[in-house]
């Protein structure tokens, strides 16, 4: 199967020609700037193929020939990202190879171009970064945020063609710097921590608390108690009580702020008390004020905002804005297994500048919860897998 190279005055012109010649399923293999033409105009070369297996083989052969100018002598890079070498965390092994830019069809690339109103200016200087820009957008990162990431990644790059490995490391370093991590349960043993999990209806707060209770009590050997203040959802208290009973943990109910104080007093010997709240629509001001009355007292409860990664980016932003009145200390993202486009998390983290503490990616208790790390977030968001 033939691999074709197209030269044009702009990347967009080359992509249009590839679509006409090969079709919308053609795969973009590489993009690079050529020396200016005799009339001093820009000139670009885009390489494409129709069949993905041949495209992958060509890309691997091409990248194997590229010298890593940014890492002479194959030294260990300071940023910790290195092709073929991984570091283990609870999300598995992460390598630069796992998060390469990937291959995109012409129709995917045209969709990205249409969303952004044309190709951004940074691609004039670094056309080889096109696939990474497309990867961010197709992963669910907003076009505006994807441009910011790419510009920040490339702003100090030398004015020469960059190997894909160097672009990958630069992008991963930029995105990693946008992610803040916090473990709300890292305080010394013996200090009581009251942690309430708040958020809209249906994001999985009760299941998340069950997973956390199992991890903290069974794996970390901490003394844990559970309190439910969910008086709205039928069966909400029973569900939590069932989980707690299986794990041998105390579970109490509270239907008023006074009930909550009483329940907390009964659990004064517990290192950690997890508080399950009723799902509130962030648009229902009366119920939001009820929740504030529960949380804002003398008990010094730390709140953690639970949001579904499958939520629309605009709705996610509104949820965070409305629940900010409770001053959440960390955020928890759930249901990563229900979407391939997890990039809205990156937008939200950049916007609210709140650390992330946990990620859940399934219904199993307690297996499907990950203590957040920069690498686990990068892998889950950018891998493109549910």
Protein backbone atom coordinates (compact mmCIF):
# COMPACT_ATOMS: atom_id res chain seq x y z
CA UNK A 1 0.00 0.00 0.00
CA UNK A 2 1.42 3.34 -1.10
CA UNK A 3 2.41 5.99 1.40
CA UNK A 4 2.01 9.42 -0.13
CA UNK A 5 3.60 12.76 0.62
CA UNK A 6 1.82 16.01 -0.14
CA UNK A 7 3.49 19.40 -0.37
CA UNK A 8 1.40 22.52 -0.01
CA UNK A 9 1.47 26.16 1.08
CA UNK A 10 -0.45 25.29 4.26
CA UNK A 11 -1.22 22.20 6.31
CA UNK A 12 -4.93 22.73 5.74
CA UNK A 13 -4.43 22.76 1.94
CA UNK A 14 -2.44 19.50 2.14
CA UNK A 15 -5.13 17.84 4.27
CA UNK A 16 -7.82 18.90 1.78
CA UNK A 17 -5.83 17.36 -1.08
CA UNK A 18 -5.33 14.11 0.85
CA UNK A 19 -9.07 13.90 1.49
CA UNK A 20 -9.77 14.30 -2.24
CA UNK A 21 -7.09 11.80 -3.35
CA UNK A 22 -7.23 9.06 -0.70
CA UNK A 23 -10.49 9.72 1.15
CA UNK A 24 -11.61 10.75 4.66
CA UNK A 25 -10.25 7.54 6.26
CA UNK A 26 -6.64 8.31 5.29
CA UNK A 27 -4.27 8.43 8.28
CA UNK A 28 -1.95 11.37 8.93
CA UNK A 29 1.56 9.96 9.56
CA UNK A 30 3.72 13.05 9.87
CA UNK A 31 3.68 16.78 9.28
CA UNK A 32 6.73 18.97 8.81
CA UNK A 33 7.84 22.34 7.52
CA UNK A 34 10.08 22.42 4.44
CA UNK A 35 12.58 25.12 3.50
CA UNK A 36 10.80 28.12 2.01
CA UNK A 37 10.16 28.06 -1.71
CA UNK A 38 11.92 30.25 -4.25
CA UNK A 39 9.27 32.95 -3.78
CA UNK A 40 9.89 32.83 0.00
CA UNK A 41 6.54 31.29 0.84
CA UNK A 42 5.94 28.70 3.54
CA UNK A 43 5.95 25.10 2.37
CA UNK A 44 4.72 22.07 4.32
CA UNK A 45 4.84 18.33 3.78
CA UNK A 46 2.12 16.02 5.10
CA UNK A 47 2.57 12.24 4.81
CA UNK A 48 -0.54 10.04 4.70
CA UNK A 49 -1.59 6.42 4.21
CA UNK A 50 -4.94 4.70 3.83
CA UNK A 51 -4.42 1.53 5.89
CA UNK A 52 -3.78 1.96 9.62
CA UNK A 53 -1.47 -1.10 10.08
CA UNK A 54 0.85 0.18 7.36
CA UNK A 55 0.62 3.67 8.84
CA UNK A 56 1.67 2.43 12.29
CA UNK A 57 4.59 0.49 10.79
CA UNK A 58 5.73 3.56 8.86
CA UNK A 59 5.46 5.87 11.88
CA UNK A 60 7.45 3.49 14.08
CA UNK A 61 10.16 3.22 11.42
CA UNK A 62 10.24 7.00 10.98
CA UNK A 63 10.52 7.72 14.72
CA UNK A 64 13.23 5.08 15.13
CA UNK A 65 15.36 7.09 12.70
CA UNK A 66 14.91 10.39 14.58
CA UNK A 67 17.78 11.32 16.89
CA UNK A 68 16.63 12.55 20.29
CA UNK A 69 18.29 15.96 20.26
CA UNK A 70 16.74 16.85 23.61
CA UNK A 71 18.28 13.82 25.33
CA UNK A 72 21.81 13.20 24.01
CA UNK A 73 23.48 10.04 25.20
CA UNK A 74 20.04 8.63 26.19
CA UNK A 75 20.37 10.07 29.70
CA UNK A 76 17.48 9.86 32.10
CA UNK A 77 15.40 13.03 31.55
CA UNK A 78 14.64 15.21 34.55
CA UNK A 79 10.91 15.24 33.89
CA UNK A 80 10.67 11.47 34.45
CA UNK A 81 9.08 10.67 31.09
CA UNK A 82 11.15 8.33 28.98
CA UNK A 83 10.16 6.11 26.08
CA UNK A 84 10.24 2.43 26.95
CA UNK A 85 10.79 3.00 30.63
CA UNK A 86 7.96 3.07 33.15
CA UNK A 87 7.14 3.79 36.73
CA UNK A 88 4.56 1.79 38.62
CA UNK A 89 1.64 3.35 40.41
CA UNK A 90 -1.83 2.12 41.32
CA UNK A 91 -2.99 2.84 37.80
CA UNK A 92 -0.34 0.60 36.26
CA UNK A 93 2.85 1.33 34.38
CA UNK A 94 3.12 4.61 32.49
CA UNK A 95 5.56 5.11 29.65
CA UNK A 96 5.89 7.85 27.08
CA UNK A 97 5.13 5.11 24.55
CA UNK A 98 1.70 4.68 26.17
CA UNK A 99 0.84 8.32 25.59
CA UNK A 100 2.19 9.10 22.16
CA UNK A 101 0.28 11.44 19.89
CA UNK A 102 -1.37 8.60 18.00
CA UNK A 103 -2.64 8.53 14.43
CA UNK A 104 -5.66 10.45 13.21
CA UNK A 105 -7.78 10.09 10.13
CA UNK A 106 -8.44 13.00 7.81
CA UNK A 107 -12.06 13.21 8.97
CA UNK A 108 -10.94 13.42 12.62
CA UNK A 109 -8.38 16.08 11.73
CA UNK A 110 -10.94 18.13 9.78
CA UNK A 111 -13.30 17.93 12.76
CA UNK A 112 -10.57 19.34 15.00
CA UNK A 113 -9.87 22.12 12.49
CA UNK A 114 -13.57 22.99 12.27
CA UNK A 115 -13.94 23.12 16.06
CA UNK A 116 -11.04 25.55 16.34
CA UNK A 117 -12.02 27.75 13.42
CA UNK A 118 -8.90 26.76 11.50
CA UNK A 119 -5.39 25.67 12.38
CA UNK A 120 -3.75 27.61 15.23
CA UNK A 121 -0.70 29.78 14.63
CA UNK A 122 1.75 27.60 16.57
CA UNK A 123 1.42 24.94 13.87
CA UNK A 124 3.11 27.30 11.44
CA UNK A 125 6.27 27.02 13.57
CA UNK A 126 5.90 23.42 14.71
CA UNK A 127 3.71 21.53 12.19
CA UNK A 128 4.98 18.24 13.61
CA UNK A 129 2.90 18.95 16.75
CA UNK A 130 -0.39 18.66 14.83
CA UNK A 131 -1.16 15.12 16.02
CA UNK A 132 -0.70 16.08 19.68
CA UNK A 133 -3.04 19.05 19.29
CA UNK A 134 -5.60 16.72 17.69
CA UNK A 135 -5.12 14.17 20.47
CA UNK A 136 -5.90 16.72 23.19
CA UNK A 137 -9.06 17.94 21.44
CA UNK A 138 -10.36 14.45 20.65
CA UNK A 139 -9.64 13.43 24.28
CA UNK A 140 -12.19 16.05 25.36
CA UNK A 141 -9.91 18.96 26.23
CA UNK A 142 -11.53 22.17 24.99
CA UNK A 143 -10.02 23.64 21.85
CA UNK A 144 -9.11 26.80 23.77
CA UNK A 145 -7.33 24.87 26.53
CA UNK A 146 -5.61 22.58 24.01
CA UNK A 147 -4.14 25.64 22.28
CA UNK A 148 -2.91 27.01 25.61
CA UNK A 149 -1.27 23.67 26.43
CA UNK A 150 0.48 23.43 23.08
CA UNK A 151 1.66 27.06 23.12
CA UNK A 152 3.02 26.67 26.65
CA UNK A 153 4.70 23.38 25.71
CA UNK A 154 6.44 24.85 22.67
CA UNK A 155 7.09 28.46 23.68
CA UNK A 156 10.73 27.83 24.64
CA UNK A 157 11.43 25.18 22.03
CA UNK A 158 14.31 25.76 19.61
CA UNK A 159 13.36 26.92 16.12
CA UNK A 160 13.96 23.57 14.43
CA UNK A 161 11.93 20.42 13.71
CA UNK A 162 11.28 18.58 16.96
CA UNK A 163 11.33 14.77 17.28
CA UNK A 164 7.96 13.40 18.32
CA UNK A 165 9.44 12.06 21.56
CA UNK A 166 10.48 15.56 22.59
CA UNK A 167 7.06 17.01 21.74
CA UNK A 168 5.43 14.25 23.75
CA UNK A 169 7.57 14.95 26.81
CA UNK A 170 6.95 18.68 26.55
CA UNK A 171 3.18 18.23 26.36
CA UNK A 172 3.11 15.71 29.21
CA UNK A 173 5.21 18.04 31.34
CA UNK A 174 2.80 20.93 30.69
CA UNK A 175 -0.35 18.95 31.42
CA UNK A 176 1.25 17.37 34.49
CA UNK A 177 1.99 20.85 35.84
CA UNK A 178 -1.71 21.69 35.67
CA UNK A 179 -2.63 18.78 37.96
CA UNK A 180 -2.46 19.28 41.72
CA UNK A 181 -2.72 16.27 44.01
CA UNK A 182 -3.83 16.05 47.65
CA UNK A 183 -4.42 13.09 49.95
CA UNK A 184 -7.06 14.12 52.50
CA UNK A 185 -6.30 11.15 54.75
CA UNK A 186 -2.56 11.50 55.11
CA UNK A 187 -2.71 13.06 58.60
CA UNK A 188 -1.06 11.14 61.48
CA UNK A 189 -3.00 8.35 63.16
CA UNK A 190 -5.16 9.45 66.04
CA UNK A 191 -6.32 12.78 64.62
CA UNK A 192 -10.01 12.63 63.73
CA UNK A 193 -10.90 13.61 60.19
CA UNK A 194 -14.51 14.37 59.26
CA UNK A 195 -14.81 14.20 55.49
CA UNK A 196 -18.07 14.87 53.65
CA UNK A 197 -18.52 14.02 50.00
CA UNK A 198 -20.75 16.48 48.19
CA UNK A 199 -21.94 16.77 44.62
CA UNK A 200 -24.94 16.54 42.29
CA UNK A 201 -27.28 13.59 42.02
CA UNK A 202 -26.03 10.42 40.36
CA UNK A 203 -22.27 11.00 40.40
CA UNK A 204 -21.58 7.99 42.65
CA UNK A 205 -20.94 9.53 46.07
CA UNK A 206 -22.26 6.55 48.06
CA UNK A 207 -20.30 3.99 46.03
CA UNK A 208 -17.18 6.16 46.28
CA UNK A 209 -17.51 6.29 50.07
CA UNK A 210 -17.91 2.51 50.17
CA UNK A 211 -14.70 2.09 48.14
CA UNK A 212 -12.83 4.57 50.35
CA UNK A 213 -14.08 2.92 53.54
CA UNK A 214 -12.81 -0.43 52.31
CA UNK A 215 -9.41 0.94 51.28
CA UNK A 216 -8.90 2.90 54.49
CA UNK A 217 -10.13 0.22 56.89
CA UNK A 218 -9.16 -3.07 55.24
CA UNK A 219 -5.99 -2.05 53.39
CA UNK A 220 -4.62 0.84 55.45
CA UNK A 221 -5.89 -0.56 58.78
CA UNK A 222 -7.42 2.73 59.94
CA UNK A 223 -10.46 2.89 62.21
CA UNK A 224 -13.32 4.21 60.08
CA UNK A 225 -16.92 5.19 60.70
CA UNK A 226 -19.63 6.14 58.22
CA UNK A 227 -22.51 8.61 58.57
CA UNK A 228 -25.30 9.22 56.07
CA UNK A 229 -27.16 12.51 55.90
CA UNK A 230 -29.03 11.42 52.76
CA UNK A 231 -32.66 11.89 53.73
CA UNK A 232 -33.92 12.46 50.17
CA UNK A 233 -33.00 9.36 48.20
CA UNK A 234 -35.07 6.25 48.88
CA UNK A 235 -32.76 3.44 49.94
CA UNK A 236 -29.71 5.70 50.12
CA UNK A 237 -29.06 5.00 53.82
CA UNK A 238 -29.79 1.29 53.37
CA UNK A 239 -27.25 1.00 50.56
CA UNK A 240 -24.51 2.57 52.68
CA UNK A 241 -25.48 0.53 55.72
CA UNK A 242 -25.21 -2.66 53.65
CA UNK A 243 -21.69 -1.77 52.51
CA UNK A 244 -20.68 -0.85 56.06
CA UNK A 245 -22.11 -4.08 57.47
CA UNK A 246 -20.09 -6.19 55.04
CA UNK A 247 -16.92 -4.42 56.18
CA UNK A 248 -17.87 -4.47 59.86
CA UNK A 249 -17.96 -0.68 60.14
CA UNK A 250 -20.41 1.43 62.17
CA UNK A 251 -22.94 3.37 60.10
CA UNK A 252 -25.25 6.02 61.56
CA UNK A 253 -27.93 8.25 60.07
CA UNK A 254 -28.40 11.97 60.64
CA UNK A 255 -31.42 13.95 59.48
CA UNK A 256 -30.56 17.30 61.04
CA UNK A 257 -27.45 19.22 62.06
CA UNK A 258 -28.10 18.18 65.67
CA UNK A 259 -28.33 14.51 64.63
CA UNK A 260 -25.02 14.91 62.86
CA UNK A 261 -23.33 16.28 65.99
CA UNK A 262 -24.68 13.34 67.98
CA UNK A 263 -23.47 10.82 65.40
CA UNK A 264 -20.01 12.40 65.29
CA UNK A 265 -19.81 12.27 69.08
CA UNK A 266 -20.60 8.55 69.01
CA UNK A 267 -17.70 8.06 66.59
CA UNK A 268 -15.18 10.15 68.49
CA UNK A 269 -12.84 7.14 68.72
CA UNK A 270 -12.60 6.82 64.91
CA UNK A 271 -9.60 8.13 63.03
CA UNK A 272 -11.71 8.87 59.95
CA UNK A 273 -15.43 9.51 59.60
CA UNK A 274 -16.82 9.52 56.07
CA UNK A 275 -20.05 11.47 55.58
CA UNK A 276 -22.39 10.67 52.69
CA UNK A 277 -24.64 13.52 51.56
CA UNK A 278 -27.76 13.57 49.43
CA UNK A 279 -27.28 14.46 45.79
CA UNK A 280 -28.31 18.06 45.27
CA UNK A 281 -29.07 19.76 42.01
CA UNK A 282 -26.66 22.67 41.96
CA UNK A 283 -29.56 24.70 40.52
CA UNK A 284 -31.82 24.05 43.57
CA UNK A 285 -30.80 26.89 45.87
CA UNK A 286 -33.02 25.81 48.80
CA UNK A 287 -31.47 22.34 49.00
CA UNK A 288 -28.01 23.79 48.57
CA UNK A 289 -28.65 26.02 51.59
CA UNK A 290 -29.88 22.97 53.57
CA UNK A 291 -26.58 21.25 52.81
CA UNK A 292 -24.66 24.34 53.92
CA UNK A 293 -26.46 24.27 57.27
CA UNK A 294 -25.35 20.66 57.76
CA UNK A 295 -21.72 21.28 56.87
CA UNK A 296 -21.06 24.74 58.28
CA UNK A 297 -20.95 24.36 62.03
CA UNK A 298 -18.48 23.72 64.79
CA UNK A 299 -17.55 20.22 63.58
CA UNK A 300 -14.83 21.36 61.14
CA UNK A 301 -15.93 19.07 58.34
CA UNK A 302 -13.76 19.00 55.22
CA UNK A 303 -15.78 18.75 52.00
CA UNK A 304 -14.74 16.94 48.84
CA UNK A 305 -16.55 17.64 45.59
CA UNK A 306 -17.52 14.55 43.58
CA UNK A 307 -18.05 15.03 39.83
CA UNK A 308 -18.63 12.61 36.98
CA UNK A 309 -15.97 12.69 34.25
CA UNK A 310 -18.77 11.96 31.78
CA UNK A 311 -20.45 15.29 32.56
CA UNK A 312 -20.58 17.94 29.86
CA UNK A 313 -17.79 20.51 30.28
CA UNK A 314 -20.22 23.44 30.74
CA UNK A 315 -22.32 21.57 33.31
CA UNK A 316 -19.17 20.53 35.17
CA UNK A 317 -18.10 24.15 35.44
CA UNK A 318 -21.54 25.18 36.78
CA UNK A 319 -21.47 22.35 39.35
CA UNK A 320 -18.08 23.49 40.63
CA UNK A 321 -19.20 27.11 40.77
CA UNK A 322 -22.36 26.39 42.79
CA UNK A 323 -20.75 23.93 45.21
CA UNK A 324 -17.89 26.36 45.84
CA UNK A 325 -20.00 27.90 48.63
CA UNK A 326 -19.08 24.80 50.68
CA UNK A 327 -15.35 25.44 50.10
CA UNK A 328 -14.41 21.90 48.97
CA UNK A 329 -10.78 21.03 49.65
CA UNK A 330 -10.35 18.41 46.92
CA UNK A 331 -12.27 17.00 44.00
CA UNK A 332 -13.02 13.38 43.16
CA UNK A 333 -13.72 12.36 39.56
CA UNK A 334 -15.95 9.34 39.04
CA UNK A 335 -17.22 7.25 36.13
CA UNK A 336 -14.10 7.47 34.00
CA UNK A 337 -15.12 4.09 32.61
CA UNK A 338 -18.22 5.66 31.06
CA UNK A 339 -16.51 8.02 28.63
CA UNK A 340 -13.58 8.09 26.22
CA UNK A 341 -13.46 11.90 26.33
CA UNK A 342 -12.07 12.56 29.78
CA UNK A 343 -10.28 15.79 28.88
CA UNK A 344 -12.98 17.94 30.49
CA UNK A 345 -11.21 17.05 33.75
CA UNK A 346 -8.14 18.96 32.58
CA UNK A 347 -10.26 22.01 31.76
CA UNK A 348 -11.93 21.85 35.16
CA UNK A 349 -8.68 21.42 37.10
CA UNK A 350 -7.19 24.39 35.27
CA UNK A 351 -10.27 26.50 35.99
CA UNK A 352 -10.91 25.82 39.67
CA UNK A 353 -7.29 25.20 40.68
CA UNK A 354 -8.41 22.58 43.19
CA UNK A 355 -6.34 19.47 43.92
CA UNK A 356 -7.68 16.07 42.94
CA UNK A 357 -7.67 13.29 45.54
CA UNK A 358 -9.30 10.20 44.00
CA UNK A 359 -10.48 8.77 40.71
CA UNK A 360 -13.02 5.98 40.24
CA UNK A 361 -13.25 3.93 37.05
CA UNK A 362 -15.86 1.23 37.64
CA UNK A 363 -18.48 -0.18 40.01
CA UNK A 364 -16.38 -2.77 41.87
CA UNK A 365 -15.85 -2.15 45.59
CA UNK A 366 -13.08 -1.48 46.46
CA UNK A 367 -11.07 -2.29 43.32
CA UNK A 368 -12.20 0.55 41.07
CA UNK A 369 -10.75 3.52 42.90
CA UNK A 370 -7.35 5.12 42.33
CA UNK A 371 -5.51 7.40 44.70
CA UNK A 372 -4.78 10.24 42.33
CA UNK A 373 -1.27 10.92 41.07
CA UNK A 374 -0.20 13.05 38.15
CA UNK A 375 0.73 9.94 36.21
CA UNK A 376 -2.53 8.11 36.89
CA UNK A 377 -4.51 11.17 35.75
CA UNK A 378 -2.40 11.54 32.60
CA UNK A 379 -2.78 7.89 31.73
CA UNK A 380 -6.53 7.77 32.29
CA UNK A 381 -7.25 11.04 30.48
CA UNK A 382 -4.94 10.70 27.49
CA UNK A 383 -4.96 6.97 26.82
CA UNK A 384 -8.28 7.21 24.95
CA UNK A 385 -9.57 4.04 26.63
CA UNK A 386 -12.74 3.81 28.76
